[in-house]
Protein backbone atom coordinates (compact mmCIF):
# COMPACT_ATOMS: atom_id res chain seq x y z
CA MET A 1 -18.12 -0.58 -78.54
CA ARG A 2 -20.74 -3.31 -78.30
CA ALA A 3 -19.56 -4.20 -74.78
CA ALA A 4 -20.06 -0.64 -73.58
CA ALA A 5 -23.58 -0.61 -74.97
CA GLY A 6 -24.33 -3.87 -73.17
CA ALA A 7 -23.15 -2.48 -69.85
CA GLY A 8 -26.17 -0.26 -69.30
CA CYS A 9 -29.02 -2.24 -67.83
CA GLY A 10 -26.77 -4.87 -66.28
CA ILE A 11 -25.07 -2.27 -64.13
CA ALA A 12 -28.45 -0.90 -63.06
CA LEU A 13 -29.60 -4.41 -62.12
CA ALA A 14 -26.46 -4.99 -60.13
CA MET A 15 -26.70 -1.63 -58.41
CA ALA A 16 -30.28 -2.13 -57.37
CA ALA A 17 -29.71 -5.55 -55.98
CA VAL A 18 -26.75 -4.65 -53.80
CA MET A 19 -28.72 -2.23 -51.71
CA PRO A 20 -29.37 -3.14 -48.07
CA ALA A 21 -32.07 -5.75 -47.72
CA THR A 22 -34.60 -3.45 -46.10
CA ALA A 23 -37.60 -2.23 -47.87
CA GLN A 24 -41.00 -0.84 -47.99
CA ASN A 25 -42.00 0.75 -44.68
CA LYS A 26 -39.91 3.91 -44.33
CA SER A 27 -41.66 5.10 -41.18
CA PRO A 28 -39.04 5.74 -38.47
CA GLU A 29 -41.39 4.35 -35.82
CA ARG A 30 -41.26 0.80 -37.17
CA PRO A 31 -38.50 -1.37 -38.55
CA PRO A 32 -38.56 -1.77 -42.31
CA ALA A 33 -39.97 -4.98 -43.71
CA HIS A 34 -37.33 -7.41 -44.94
CA SER A 35 -37.59 -7.74 -48.70
CA GLY A 36 -34.32 -9.57 -49.21
CA GLY A 37 -33.82 -8.14 -52.67
CA GLY A 38 -33.14 -4.47 -52.13
CA PRO A 39 -34.99 -1.61 -53.76
CA SER A 40 -37.00 -1.70 -56.91
CA LEU A 41 -35.08 -1.81 -60.16
CA PRO A 42 -35.08 1.23 -62.39
CA SER A 43 -36.97 0.98 -65.65
CA ARG A 44 -34.94 -0.42 -68.53
CA THR A 45 -36.21 2.52 -70.54
CA ALA A 46 -34.80 5.10 -68.11
CA PRO A 47 -31.71 6.77 -69.57
CA MET A 48 -28.38 5.75 -68.08
CA THR A 49 -25.32 7.94 -67.81
CA ILE A 50 -21.85 6.51 -67.19
CA THR A 51 -18.99 8.91 -66.61
CA SER A 52 -15.35 8.02 -66.02
CA ALA A 53 -11.90 9.42 -66.63
CA ARG A 54 -11.25 6.65 -69.17
CA LEU A 55 -13.19 3.99 -71.09
CA SER A 56 -11.30 1.10 -72.68
CA ILE A 57 -12.96 -1.40 -75.02
CA HIS A 58 -11.46 -4.89 -75.22
CA ASP A 59 -13.29 -6.50 -78.17
CA ALA A 60 -11.48 -9.84 -78.00
CA GLU A 61 -12.45 -10.23 -74.34
CA ARG A 62 -15.94 -8.74 -74.82
CA ARG A 63 -15.13 -6.38 -71.95
CA ALA A 64 -15.50 -2.66 -71.32
CA THR A 65 -13.42 -1.04 -68.58
CA PHE A 66 -14.45 2.26 -67.01
CA GLU A 67 -11.68 3.76 -64.85
CA GLY A 68 -11.23 6.82 -62.67
CA ALA A 69 -14.07 8.27 -60.63
CA VAL A 70 -16.70 6.08 -62.31
CA VAL A 71 -20.28 7.26 -61.73
CA VAL A 72 -23.27 5.38 -63.14
CA ASN A 73 -26.73 6.96 -62.85
CA GLN A 74 -30.10 5.54 -63.86
CA GLY A 75 -33.23 7.02 -62.38
CA ASP A 76 -32.63 7.50 -58.65
CA LEU A 77 -29.94 4.78 -58.57
CA THR A 78 -26.25 5.71 -58.44
CA LEU A 79 -23.09 3.56 -58.45
CA LYS A 80 -19.68 5.06 -57.73
CA ALA A 81 -16.40 3.14 -57.95
CA ASP A 82 -12.78 3.57 -58.93
CA ARG A 83 -13.18 0.98 -61.69
CA VAL A 84 -16.02 -0.95 -63.33
CA ASP A 85 -15.41 -3.88 -65.73
CA VAL A 86 -18.33 -5.22 -67.77
CA TRP A 87 -18.25 -8.51 -69.71
CA THR A 88 -20.84 -9.45 -72.34
CA ASN A 89 -21.61 -12.57 -74.35
CA ASP A 90 -23.68 -13.50 -77.39
CA SER A 91 -25.87 -16.07 -75.69
CA PRO A 92 -29.58 -16.03 -76.56
CA VAL A 93 -31.66 -13.32 -74.95
CA THR A 94 -33.41 -14.54 -71.79
CA SER A 95 -35.72 -12.90 -69.31
CA ALA A 96 -33.06 -13.38 -66.63
CA GLY A 97 -30.44 -11.23 -68.33
CA PRO A 98 -30.44 -7.56 -69.23
CA VAL A 99 -29.88 -7.07 -72.92
CA TYR A 100 -28.69 -4.09 -74.96
CA GLY A 101 -27.14 -4.09 -78.41
CA GLY A 102 -27.80 -7.81 -78.86
CA SER A 103 -25.41 -8.81 -76.07
CA ASN A 104 -26.12 -10.11 -72.58
CA VAL A 105 -24.17 -8.74 -69.66
CA SER A 106 -22.55 -11.81 -68.14
CA ARG A 107 -20.45 -10.29 -65.36
CA ILE A 108 -19.81 -6.89 -63.78
CA VAL A 109 -17.01 -6.15 -61.33
CA ALA A 110 -16.89 -2.81 -59.52
CA THR A 111 -13.76 -2.21 -57.44
CA GLY A 112 -12.34 0.48 -55.22
CA HIS A 113 -14.52 2.64 -52.98
CA VAL A 114 -17.73 1.06 -54.27
CA GLU A 115 -20.86 2.93 -53.21
CA VAL A 116 -24.40 2.23 -54.34
CA SER A 117 -27.23 4.56 -53.37
CA GLN A 118 -30.95 4.96 -53.95
CA GLY A 119 -32.77 7.58 -51.92
CA ASP A 120 -31.54 7.28 -48.34
CA ARG A 121 -30.29 3.71 -48.90
CA VAL A 122 -26.51 3.42 -49.23
CA VAL A 123 -24.21 0.41 -49.30
CA GLN A 124 -20.41 0.58 -49.45
CA ALA A 125 -17.80 -2.10 -50.10
CA ASP A 126 -14.38 -2.57 -51.63
CA GLU A 127 -15.75 -4.80 -54.40
CA ALA A 128 -19.11 -5.79 -55.93
CA VAL A 129 -19.40 -8.69 -58.40
CA TYR A 130 -22.56 -9.37 -60.44
CA ASP A 131 -22.76 -12.87 -61.97
CA GLN A 132 -25.62 -13.16 -64.47
CA ALA A 133 -25.46 -16.97 -64.79
CA ARG A 134 -25.82 -17.44 -61.03
CA GLN A 135 -28.16 -14.43 -60.69
CA GLN A 136 -26.33 -13.15 -57.66
CA ILE A 137 -24.23 -10.25 -56.47
CA GLU A 138 -21.41 -10.56 -53.96
CA LEU A 139 -20.02 -7.59 -52.03
CA THR A 140 -16.82 -7.88 -50.03
CA GLY A 141 -14.37 -5.75 -48.09
CA ASN A 142 -15.34 -3.06 -45.59
CA LEU A 143 -19.03 -3.78 -46.15
CA SER A 144 -21.50 -1.33 -44.61
CA GLY A 145 -25.00 -0.13 -45.35
CA ARG A 146 -27.52 2.31 -43.99
CA GLU A 147 -31.12 3.39 -44.45
CA GLY A 148 -32.75 5.90 -42.18
CA GLY A 149 -31.46 5.08 -38.71
CA TYR A 150 -30.69 1.44 -39.49
CA LYS A 151 -27.09 0.36 -40.08
CA VAL A 152 -25.60 -2.96 -41.15
CA ALA A 153 -22.00 -4.13 -41.49
CA GLY A 154 -20.35 -7.41 -42.30
CA THR A 155 -17.51 -9.13 -44.08
CA ARG A 156 -19.48 -10.32 -47.12
CA MET A 157 -22.97 -9.92 -48.56
CA VAL A 158 -24.46 -12.21 -51.18
CA VAL A 159 -27.68 -11.09 -52.85
CA PHE A 160 -29.66 -13.94 -54.45
CA LEU A 161 -31.65 -12.07 -57.09
CA LEU A 162 -34.15 -14.77 -58.03
CA GLU A 163 -34.86 -15.66 -54.40
CA HIS A 164 -35.20 -12.04 -53.23
CA ARG A 165 -32.94 -12.69 -50.25
CA SER A 166 -29.55 -11.65 -48.95
CA VAL A 167 -27.03 -13.26 -46.64
CA ILE A 168 -24.49 -11.21 -44.68
CA ASP A 169 -21.52 -12.95 -43.06
CA GLN A 170 -20.25 -11.71 -39.68
CA SER A 171 -23.19 -9.28 -39.56
CA ARG A 172 -23.70 -6.42 -37.16
CA VAL A 173 -27.04 -4.58 -37.26
CA VAL A 174 -27.83 -1.35 -35.42
CA ILE A 175 -31.53 -0.66 -34.88
CA PRO A 176 -32.50 2.91 -33.96
CA PRO A 177 -34.11 3.39 -30.52
CA GLN A 178 -37.41 4.66 -31.93
CA ALA A 179 -37.86 1.34 -33.76
CA LEU A 180 -37.46 -0.62 -30.54
CA SER A 181 -40.29 1.20 -28.82
CA ALA A 182 -42.65 1.44 -31.77
CA PRO A 183 -46.02 -0.30 -31.62
CA THR A 184 -46.37 -3.49 -33.60
CA ARG A 185 -48.92 -4.02 -36.37
CA ASP A 186 -51.57 -4.99 -33.85
CA GLY A 187 -51.08 -1.64 -32.06
CA LYS A 188 -49.39 -3.13 -28.99
CA GLY A 189 -45.85 -2.48 -27.83
CA PRO A 190 -42.75 -4.44 -28.87
């Protein structure tokens, strides 16, 4: 049961970081500023709800497995997947790792129809892997994201949490027409 308790904030951290690397300016007339780290993280004090058809606890492996229409909600952040596995460890508490129940979340793997959303930001992939030690999230398989009129696709996205940057392999970005004709910050055209 300790592993399930440790899953909470780690999943929220992973969900927030996998969002498309667009950010603050939501005005449709201008392209969003590149933040590299996705949206803001939900508060660790915000309640989290995890629903699934089945939860299995594997004490010896320090793993909790949520299976069947998994939905994780915290604040305005939502993760959906067919399966979510969460591993914890007993390493000392650090500022880099989310902690609940005395355990650090060390790894989270979401598989099958993975979708992460916050407001109008949505990213989809076949798999998302959060690695606490490396402080990164990797999304692979049928990767696509959207926010407002912007769309991005690729074969793989790696989100470097500490560096607030993302790298997308084989990327394809679609910029809406209104963003191409919008005035720049100095009031002049593109």
